[in-house]
C-alpha atoms as a PDB file:
ATOM      1  CA  MET A   1       0.000   0.000   0.000  1.00  0.00           C
ATOM      2  CA  PRO A   2       1.544   3.341  -1.016  1.00  0.00           C
ATOM      3  CA  LYS A   3       2.263   5.813   1.738  1.00  0.00           C
ATOM      4  CA  VAL A   4       0.289   9.062   1.627  1.00  0.00           C
ATOM      5  CA  SER A   5       2.567  12.097   1.585  1.00  0.00           C
ATOM      6  CA  GLN A   6       2.504  14.741   4.289  1.00  0.00           C
ATOM      7  CA  ALA A   7       1.610  17.279   1.596  1.00  0.00           C
ATOM      8  CA  HIS A   8      -1.478  15.230   0.741  1.00  0.00           C
ATOM      9  CA  LEU A   9      -2.476  14.970   4.416  1.00  0.00           C
ATOM     10  CA  ASP A  10      -1.966  18.713   4.883  1.00  0.00           C
ATOM     11  CA  ALA A  11      -4.045  19.455   1.774  1.00  0.00           C
ATOM     12  CA  ARG A  12      -6.946  17.304   3.024  1.00  0.00           C
ATOM     13  CA  ARG A  13      -6.848  18.953   6.433  1.00  0.00           C
ATOM     14  CA  GLN A  14      -6.869  22.377   4.780  1.00  0.00           C
ATOM     15  CA  GLN A  15      -9.742  21.280   2.537  1.00  0.00           C
ATOM     16  CA  ILE A  16     -11.788  20.543   5.654  1.00  0.00           C
ATOM     17  CA  ILE A  17     -10.846  23.844   7.285  1.00  0.00           C
ATOM     18  CA  ASP A  18     -11.701  25.833   4.149  1.00  0.00           C
ATOM     19  CA  ALA A  19     -15.075  24.108   3.769  1.00  0.00           C
ATOM     20  CA  ALA A  20     -15.851  24.653   7.451  1.00  0.00           C
ATOM     21  CA  ARG A  21     -14.804  28.305   7.306  1.00  0.00           C
ATOM     22  CA  ALA A  22     -17.238  28.966   4.452  1.00  0.00           C
ATOM     23  CA  ARG A  23     -20.049  26.938   6.001  1.00  0.00           C
ATOM     24  CA  PHE A  24     -19.655  28.474   9.479  1.00  0.00           C
ATOM     25  CA  ALA A  25     -19.618  32.000   8.027  1.00  0.00           C
ATOM     26  CA  ALA A  26     -22.778  31.367   6.035  1.00  0.00           C
ATOM     27  CA  HIS A  27     -24.773  29.284   8.527  1.00  0.00           C
ATOM     28  CA  GLY A  28     -23.120  29.577  11.936  1.00  0.00           C
ATOM     29  CA  PHE A  29     -21.761  26.805  14.132  1.00  0.00           C
ATOM     30  CA  ALA A  30     -25.055  25.644  15.573  1.00  0.00           C
ATOM     31  CA  ARG A  31     -26.611  25.284  12.130  1.00  0.00           C
ATOM     32  CA  THR A  32     -23.656  23.363  10.732  1.00  0.00           C
ATOM     33  CA  SER A  33     -23.552  19.621  11.299  1.00  0.00           C
ATOM     34  CA  MET A  34     -20.730  17.235  10.575  1.00  0.00           C
ATOM     35  CA  THR A  35     -22.889  15.993   7.688  1.00  0.00           C
ATOM     36  CA  ASP A  36     -22.886  19.544   6.300  1.00  0.00           C
ATOM     37  CA  LEU A  37     -19.099  19.573   6.515  1.00  0.00           C
ATOM     38  CA  VAL A  38     -18.929  16.253   4.685  1.00  0.00           C
ATOM     39  CA  GLU A  39     -21.049  17.730   1.899  1.00  0.00           C
ATOM     40  CA  ALA A  40     -19.139  21.025   1.802  1.00  0.00           C
ATOM     41  CA  SER A  41     -15.686  19.407   1.805  1.00  0.00           C
ATOM     42  CA  GLY A  42     -16.461  16.546  -0.538  1.00  0.00           C
ATOM     43  CA  LEU A  43     -14.779  14.163   1.884  1.00  0.00           C
ATOM     44  CA  SER A  44     -16.169  11.275   3.899  1.00  0.00           C
ATOM     45  CA  ILE A  45     -17.093  11.528   7.556  1.00  0.00           C
ATOM     46  CA  GLY A  46     -14.204   9.164   8.300  1.00  0.00           C
ATOM     47  CA  ALA A  47     -11.776  11.443   6.486  1.00  0.00           C
ATOM     48  CA  ILE A  48     -12.924  14.408   8.546  1.00  0.00           C
ATOM     49  CA  TYR A  49     -12.670  12.471  11.808  1.00  0.00           C
ATOM     50  CA  ARG A  50      -9.164  11.400  10.829  1.00  0.00           C
ATOM     51  CA  TYR A  51      -8.100  15.023  11.259  1.00  0.00           C
ATOM     52  CA  PHE A  52     -10.559  16.397  13.817  1.00  0.00           C
ATOM     53  CA  LYS A  53     -12.503  14.946  16.744  1.00  0.00           C
ATOM     54  CA  GLY A  54     -15.405  17.292  16.058  1.00  0.00           C
ATOM     55  CA  LYS A  55     -16.533  20.798  15.185  1.00  0.00           C
ATOM     56  CA  ASP A  56     -14.810  22.356  18.190  1.00  0.00           C
ATOM     57  CA  GLU A  57     -11.406  21.223  16.958  1.00  0.00           C
ATOM     58  CA  ILE A  58     -12.169  22.544  13.487  1.00  0.00           C
ATOM     59  CA  VAL A  59     -13.114  25.937  14.933  1.00  0.00           C
ATOM     60  CA  THR A  60      -9.853  25.972  16.892  1.00  0.00           C
ATOM     61  CA  ALA A  61      -7.897  25.143  13.721  1.00  0.00           C
ATOM     62  CA  ILE A  62      -9.610  28.008  11.907  1.00  0.00           C
ATOM     63  CA  CYS A  63      -8.681  30.404  14.710  1.00  0.00           C
ATOM     64  CA  GLU A  64      -5.105  29.188  14.816  1.00  0.00           C
ATOM     65  CA  GLN A  65      -4.759  30.006  11.125  1.00  0.00           C
ATOM     66  CA  ALA A  66      -6.022  33.534  11.597  1.00  0.00           C
ATOM     67  CA  GLY A  67      -3.522  35.896  10.130  1.00  0.00           C
ATOM     68  CA  GLN A  68      -3.511  39.608  10.420  1.00  0.00           C
ATOM     69  CA  ALA A  69      -2.072  42.126   8.018  1.00  0.00           C
ATOM     70  CA  PHE A  70      -1.564  44.302  11.074  1.00  0.00           C
ATOM     71  CA  PRO A  71       0.042  47.683  10.386  1.00  0.00           C
ATOM     72  CA  THR A  72       3.762  48.011  10.980  1.00  0.00           C
ATOM     73  CA  GLU A  73       3.348  51.680  11.835  1.00  0.00           C
ATOM     74  CA  LEU A  74       0.480  53.779  13.074  1.00  0.00           C
ATOM     75  CA  THR A  75      -0.049  56.163  10.186  1.00  0.00           C
ATOM     76  CA  ALA A  76      -3.276  57.100   8.466  1.00  0.00           C
ATOM     77  CA  GLU A  77      -2.186  55.190   5.363  1.00  0.00           C
ATOM     78  CA  SER A  78      -1.151  51.987   7.153  1.00  0.00           C
ATOM     79  CA  ILE A  79      -4.275  51.949   9.318  1.00  0.00           C
ATOM     80  CA  HIS A  80      -6.489  52.589   6.292  1.00  0.00           C
ATOM     81  CA  ASP A  81      -4.724  49.765   4.415  1.00  0.00           C
ATOM     82  CA  PHE A  82      -5.294  47.435   7.383  1.00  0.00           C
ATOM     83  CA  LEU A  83      -9.004  48.252   7.573  1.00  0.00           C
ATOM     84  CA  GLN A  84      -9.286  47.969   3.802  1.00  0.00           C
ATOM     85  CA  HIS A  85      -7.739  44.482   4.083  1.00  0.00           C
ATOM     86  CA  ILE A  86     -10.387  43.547   6.674  1.00  0.00           C
ATOM     87  CA  ARG A  87     -13.067  44.964   4.357  1.00  0.00           C
ATOM     88  CA  THR A  88     -11.751  42.932   1.413  1.00  0.00           C
ATOM     89  CA  LEU A  89     -11.740  39.734   3.491  1.00  0.00           C
ATOM     90  CA  ALA A  90     -15.318  40.473   4.537  1.00  0.00           C
ATOM     91  CA  ARG A  91     -16.392  40.933   0.919  1.00  0.00           C
ATOM     92  CA  GLU A  92     -14.470  38.077  -0.656  1.00  0.00           C
ATOM     93  CA  GLU A  93     -14.359  35.445   2.077  1.00  0.00           C
ATOM     94  CA  ASP A  94     -17.214  36.402   4.399  1.00  0.00           C
ATOM     95  CA  HIS A  95     -14.544  36.800   7.069  1.00  0.00           C
ATOM     96  CA  ALA A  96     -16.425  39.330   9.203  1.00  0.00           C
ATOM     97  CA  ARG A  97     -19.366  36.955   9.595  1.00  0.00           C
ATOM     98  CA  LEU A  98     -16.971  34.151  10.496  1.00  0.00           C
ATOM     99  CA  VAL A  99     -15.325  36.321  13.168  1.00  0.00           C
ATOM    100  CA  ALA A 100     -18.770  37.143  14.580  1.00  0.00           C
ATOM    101  CA  GLN A 101     -19.504  33.412  14.800  1.00  0.00           C
ATOM    102  CA  ILE A 102     -16.172  32.731  16.484  1.00  0.00           C
ATOM    103  CA  TYR A 103     -16.814  35.438  19.091  1.00  0.00           C
ATOM    104  CA  ALA A 104     -20.282  34.064  19.779  1.00  0.00           C
ATOM    105  CA  GLU A 105     -18.885  30.561  20.203  1.00  0.00           C
ATOM    106  CA  ALA A 106     -16.030  31.840  22.371  1.00  0.00           C
ATOM    107  CA  ALA A 107     -18.627  33.325  24.737  1.00  0.00           C
ATOM    108  CA  VAL A 108     -19.729  29.778  25.642  1.00  0.00           C
ATOM    109  CA  ALA A 109     -16.549  27.746  25.026  1.00  0.00           C
ATOM    110  CA  PRO A 110     -13.773  28.509  27.533  1.00  0.00           C
ATOM    111  CA  SER A 111     -10.970  26.912  25.492  1.00  0.00           C
ATOM    112  CA  LEU A 112     -11.925  28.941  22.411  1.00  0.00           C
ATOM    113  CA  ALA A 113     -12.265  32.060  24.562  1.00  0.00           C
ATOM    114  CA  ALA A 114      -8.710  31.511  25.804  1.00  0.00           C
ATOM    115  CA  LEU A 115      -7.422  31.183  22.236  1.00  0.00           C
ATOM    116  CA  VAL A 116      -9.243  34.328  21.093  1.00  0.00           C
ATOM    117  CA  ASP A 117      -7.988  36.180  24.166  1.00  0.00           C
ATOM    118  CA  ARG A 118      -4.386  35.196  23.330  1.00  0.00           C
ATOM    119  CA  GLN A 119      -4.847  36.489  19.784  1.00  0.00           C
ATOM    120  CA  LEU A 120      -6.297  39.770  21.044  1.00  0.00           C
ATOM    121  CA  GLN A 121      -3.428  40.085  23.498  1.00  0.00           C
ATOM    122  CA  GLY A 122      -0.997  39.628  20.611  1.00  0.00           C
ATOM    123  CA  MET A 123      -2.696  42.454  18.736  1.00  0.00           C
ATOM    124  CA  ARG A 124      -2.569  44.708  21.791  1.00  0.00           C
ATOM    125  CA  GLU A 125       1.123  43.932  22.215  1.00  0.00           C
ATOM    126  CA  ALA A 126       1.705  44.784  18.537  1.00  0.00           C
ATOM    127  CA  VAL A 127       0.077  48.184  19.062  1.00  0.00           C
ATOM    128  CA  VAL A 128       2.087  48.843  22.222  1.00  0.00           C
ATOM    129  CA  ALA A 129       5.274  48.052  20.272  1.00  0.00           C
ATOM    130  CA  LEU A 130       4.299  50.774  17.792  1.00  0.00           C
ATOM    131  CA  LEU A 131       4.030  53.339  20.613  1.00  0.00           C
ATOM    132  CA  PRO A 132       7.591  53.481  21.976  1.00  0.00           C
ATOM    133  CA  GLY A 133       7.352  57.091  23.169  1.00  0.00           C
ATOM    134  CA  HIS A 134       4.408  56.451  25.480  1.00  0.00           C
ATOM    135  CA  GLU A 135       4.412  55.507  29.135  1.00  0.00           C
ATOM    136  CA  PRO A 136       3.671  51.724  29.266  1.00  0.00           C
ATOM    137  CA  ALA A 137       0.307  51.998  31.039  1.00  0.00           C
ATOM    138  CA  HIS A 138      -0.848  54.691  28.626  1.00  0.00           C
ATOM    139  CA  ALA A 139       0.324  52.643  25.618  1.00  0.00           C
ATOM    140  CA  ALA A 140      -1.624  49.674  26.986  1.00  0.00           C
ATOM    141  CA  ARG A 141      -4.795  51.799  27.233  1.00  0.00           C
ATOM    142  CA  ILE A 142      -4.314  53.035  23.658  1.00  0.00           C
ATOM    143  CA  ALA A 143      -3.790  49.450  22.489  1.00  0.00           C
ATOM    144  CA  GLU A 144      -6.941  48.279  24.266  1.00  0.00           C
ATOM    145  CA  ALA A 145      -9.061  50.941  22.552  1.00  0.00           C
ATOM    146  CA  PHE A 146      -7.326  50.465  19.202  1.00  0.00           C
ATOM    147  CA  VAL A 147      -7.961  46.711  19.104  1.00  0.00           C
ATOM    148  CA  ALA A 148     -11.546  47.136  20.322  1.00  0.00           C
ATOM    149  CA  LEU A 149     -12.295  49.609  17.543  1.00  0.00           C
ATOM    150  CA  CYS A 150     -10.701  47.334  14.914  1.00  0.00           C
ATOM    151  CA  HIS A 151     -12.898  44.474  16.066  1.00  0.00           C
ATOM    152  CA  GLY A 152     -15.882  46.797  16.224  1.00  0.00           C
ATOM    153  CA  TYR A 153     -15.296  47.576  12.546  1.00  0.00           C
ATOM    154  CA  THR A 154     -15.229  43.849  11.779  1.00  0.00           C
ATOM    155  CA  GLN A 155     -18.484  43.301  13.667  1.00  0.00           C
ATOM    156  CA  GLN A 156     -20.079  46.237  11.850  1.00  0.00           C
ATOM    157  CA  LEU A 157     -19.061  44.652   8.529  1.00  0.00           C
ATOM    158  CA  ALA A 158     -20.679  41.384   9.632  1.00  0.00           C
ATOM    159  CA  VAL A 159     -23.987  43.068  10.434  1.00  0.00           C
ATOM    160  CA  ARG A 160     -24.151  46.024   8.081  1.00  0.00           C
ATOM    161  CA  GLY A 161     -22.287  44.672   5.060  1.00  0.00           C
ATOM    162  CA  ASP A 162     -19.770  46.710   3.115  1.00  0.00           C
ATOM    163  CA  LEU A 163     -18.705  49.725   5.131  1.00  0.00           C
ATOM    164  CA  ASP A 164     -16.334  52.591   4.355  1.00  0.00           C
ATOM    165  CA  PRO A 165     -13.277  52.371   6.635  1.00  0.00           C
ATOM    166  CA  ALA A 166     -12.632  56.160   6.556  1.00  0.00           C
ATOM    167  CA  PRO A 167     -14.411  57.096   9.819  1.00  0.00           C
ATOM    168  CA  PHE A 168     -12.819  54.131  11.587  1.00  0.00           C
ATOM    169  CA  THR A 169      -9.394  55.134  10.259  1.00  0.00           C
ATOM    170  CA  ALA A 170      -9.921  58.660  11.605  1.00  0.00           C
ATOM    171  CA  ALA A 171     -10.971  57.320  15.002  1.00  0.00           C
ATOM    172  CA  LEU A 172      -8.012  54.942  15.176  1.00  0.00           C
ATOM    173  CA  ILE A 173      -5.585  57.739  14.283  1.00  0.00           C
ATOM    174  CA  ALA A 174      -7.148  59.899  17.001  1.00  0.00           C
ATOM    175  CA  ILE A 175      -6.672  57.077  19.499  1.00  0.00           C
ATOM    176  CA  ALA A 176      -3.109  56.325  18.400  1.00  0.00           C
ATOM    177  CA  ILE A 177      -1.836  59.895  18.540  1.00  0.00           C
ATOM    178  CA  THR A 178      -3.222  60.854  21.937  1.00  0.00           C
ATOM    179  CA  GLU A 179      -0.662  62.391  24.233  1.00  0.00           C
ATOM    180  CA  SER A 180       0.464  60.569  27.352  1.00  0.00           C
END
């Protein structure tokens, strides 16, 4: 019997994650069954269970893959580009709706809440690193507000649909340039 390559195994796992991401964004976690994931992925139930014990593990895998095109500086242009990236993901991949589903699930799943909290902490730390001239406690407060507003924009996209990032960019710049 020929051995299946790691690349093949990785591709199948990603196929499941991609199908779940799309299904969860469109229908939510509660309205998505393992049978739905079988249909969406084109794989068998056994193939899915080879990689994941259940939906919770798939949700965790989706979260662990979350990447951010976080700004490397806090300028109007870089912040606008970041929000525009979020807007594009919302339009093209239904990402904002998926994030809304993840937050809702995290509210009732402590292990997912811990993962989301670690990701948010990483974002706050990234903002603090971009504020070297600020007193640490003040930089932490700026980072808290900055990340909250970024996620507020994502949630607004999930509920309201396509949304101009300009007012959010202006608000984020105002937050980022406050004096200590």
